[in-house]
């Protein structure tokens, strides 16, 4: 389902997931940064190693999205970085949201190009 589901499941167990009486793990919910769709948004996001760098580490298409680095409401705090637009003609923003790459390393997505989703 999610690109890094194994990381989420392992983290959920480490921070309070439930182990059923059958011995199987039931992972708690997690926050994801899902690409916005419609209204000019392309329906995918690029994940960068540093905010706005030229090296795209991963490209993720909706409805999937990377696991938010900060597992708090709306994916927690963001950092300020280079200016971006989600699509041509969109407003210009400079805030970047930390997320987990599929490798488990920290990456960044353009904050206004995603919707924080709890699943």
Protein backbone atom coordinates (compact mmCIF):
# COMPACT_ATOMS: atom_id res chain seq x y z
CA UNK A 1 0.00 0.00 0.00
CA UNK A 2 2.52 2.58 1.08
CA UNK A 3 6.03 2.77 -0.22
CA UNK A 4 7.55 2.47 3.22
CA UNK A 5 4.94 0.41 5.03
CA UNK A 6 7.56 -1.74 6.72
CA UNK A 7 9.16 1.31 8.33
CA UNK A 8 5.78 2.54 9.54
CA UNK A 9 4.85 -0.87 10.97
CA UNK A 10 8.17 -1.18 12.78
CA UNK A 11 7.87 2.35 14.14
CA UNK A 12 4.29 1.77 15.25
CA UNK A 13 5.38 -1.25 17.24
CA UNK A 14 8.23 0.69 18.79
CA UNK A 15 5.99 3.57 19.87
CA UNK A 16 2.86 1.79 20.95
CA UNK A 17 1.45 -0.50 18.30
CA UNK A 18 -0.76 -3.32 19.54
CA UNK A 19 0.15 -6.98 19.35
CA UNK A 20 -2.98 -9.09 19.07
CA UNK A 21 -3.46 -12.34 21.01
CA UNK A 22 -2.68 -14.28 17.82
CA UNK A 23 0.83 -12.81 17.87
CA UNK A 24 0.32 -10.63 14.78
CA UNK A 25 1.04 -6.92 14.82
CA UNK A 26 -1.67 -4.33 14.26
CA UNK A 27 0.11 -1.12 13.28
CA UNK A 28 -1.19 2.15 14.66
CA UNK A 29 -2.12 4.91 12.19
CA UNK A 30 0.49 7.21 10.70
CA UNK A 31 0.76 10.63 9.01
CA UNK A 32 1.56 10.74 5.28
CA UNK A 33 2.25 13.65 2.89
CA UNK A 34 -0.04 12.82 -0.05
CA UNK A 35 0.33 14.75 -3.35
CA UNK A 36 -2.48 17.19 -4.10
CA UNK A 37 -4.53 16.45 -7.21
CA UNK A 38 -6.76 18.67 -9.34
CA UNK A 39 -6.66 22.44 -9.71
CA UNK A 40 -3.47 22.36 -11.75
CA UNK A 41 -1.56 20.11 -9.35
CA UNK A 42 0.31 17.36 -11.21
CA UNK A 43 -0.75 14.53 -8.87
CA UNK A 44 2.80 13.61 -7.88
CA UNK A 45 5.55 14.99 -5.66
CA UNK A 46 9.32 14.94 -5.82
CA UNK A 47 11.18 14.09 -2.64
CA UNK A 48 14.51 15.90 -2.22
CA UNK A 49 17.41 15.11 0.10
CA UNK A 50 17.61 18.82 1.05
CA UNK A 51 14.85 21.44 0.63
CA UNK A 52 14.73 22.48 -3.03
CA UNK A 53 17.94 20.81 -4.13
CA UNK A 54 18.31 19.66 -7.73
CA UNK A 55 18.73 16.00 -6.76
CA UNK A 56 15.32 14.34 -6.75
CA UNK A 57 15.55 11.22 -4.61
CA UNK A 58 12.09 9.80 -5.31
CA UNK A 59 8.94 10.73 -7.23
CA UNK A 60 5.69 9.56 -5.64
CA UNK A 61 2.27 9.62 -7.30
CA UNK A 62 -1.11 10.06 -5.59
CA UNK A 63 -2.79 8.38 -3.79
CA UNK A 64 0.49 7.24 -2.17
CA UNK A 65 2.68 9.57 -0.20
CA UNK A 66 5.79 9.44 1.95
CA UNK A 67 5.61 8.92 5.70
CA UNK A 68 5.91 12.23 7.57
CA UNK A 69 9.14 12.55 9.51
CA UNK A 70 7.29 14.20 12.42
CA UNK A 71 4.37 11.98 13.36
CA UNK A 72 2.26 14.82 14.76
CA UNK A 73 -0.85 16.63 13.53
CA UNK A 74 -0.43 17.81 9.93
CA UNK A 75 3.07 16.29 9.84
CA UNK A 76 4.52 18.76 12.32
CA UNK A 77 6.93 21.60 11.68
CA UNK A 78 8.49 22.60 8.39
CA UNK A 79 11.70 24.33 7.31
CA UNK A 80 12.21 27.37 5.09
CA UNK A 81 14.10 26.79 1.86
CA UNK A 82 14.20 27.81 -1.78
CA UNK A 83 11.04 29.15 -3.47
CA UNK A 84 8.80 26.78 -5.42
CA UNK A 85 5.43 26.59 -7.17
CA UNK A 86 3.27 23.46 -7.19
CA UNK A 87 2.36 24.16 -10.83
CA UNK A 88 2.75 26.99 -13.33
CA UNK A 89 0.77 30.03 -12.20
CA UNK A 90 0.43 28.82 -8.58
CA UNK A 91 1.50 31.00 -5.63
CA UNK A 92 5.17 30.90 -4.64
CA UNK A 93 6.07 29.31 -1.30
CA UNK A 94 9.29 28.55 0.61
CA UNK A 95 8.26 25.97 3.22
CA UNK A 96 9.40 22.36 3.01
CA UNK A 97 8.07 19.40 4.98
CA UNK A 98 10.43 16.67 6.23
CA UNK A 99 9.40 13.15 5.19
CA UNK A 100 10.97 9.69 5.22
CA UNK A 101 12.50 8.35 2.01
CA UNK A 102 11.87 4.68 1.26
CA UNK A 103 15.44 4.10 2.51
CA UNK A 104 14.49 5.52 5.91
CA UNK A 105 16.58 8.68 5.44
CA UNK A 106 15.11 12.15 5.85
CA UNK A 107 13.93 13.94 2.72
CA UNK A 108 11.81 17.01 1.97
CA UNK A 109 8.68 17.76 -0.06
CA UNK A 110 7.15 21.09 -1.03
CA UNK A 111 4.67 21.63 1.82
CA UNK A 112 1.88 23.28 -0.19
CA UNK A 113 1.95 20.56 -2.85
CA UNK A 114 0.82 17.86 -0.39
CA UNK A 115 -2.04 17.18 1.98
CA UNK A 116 -1.20 15.76 5.40
CA UNK A 117 -3.27 12.58 5.76
CA UNK A 118 -3.65 10.30 8.76
CA UNK A 119 -4.32 6.64 7.94
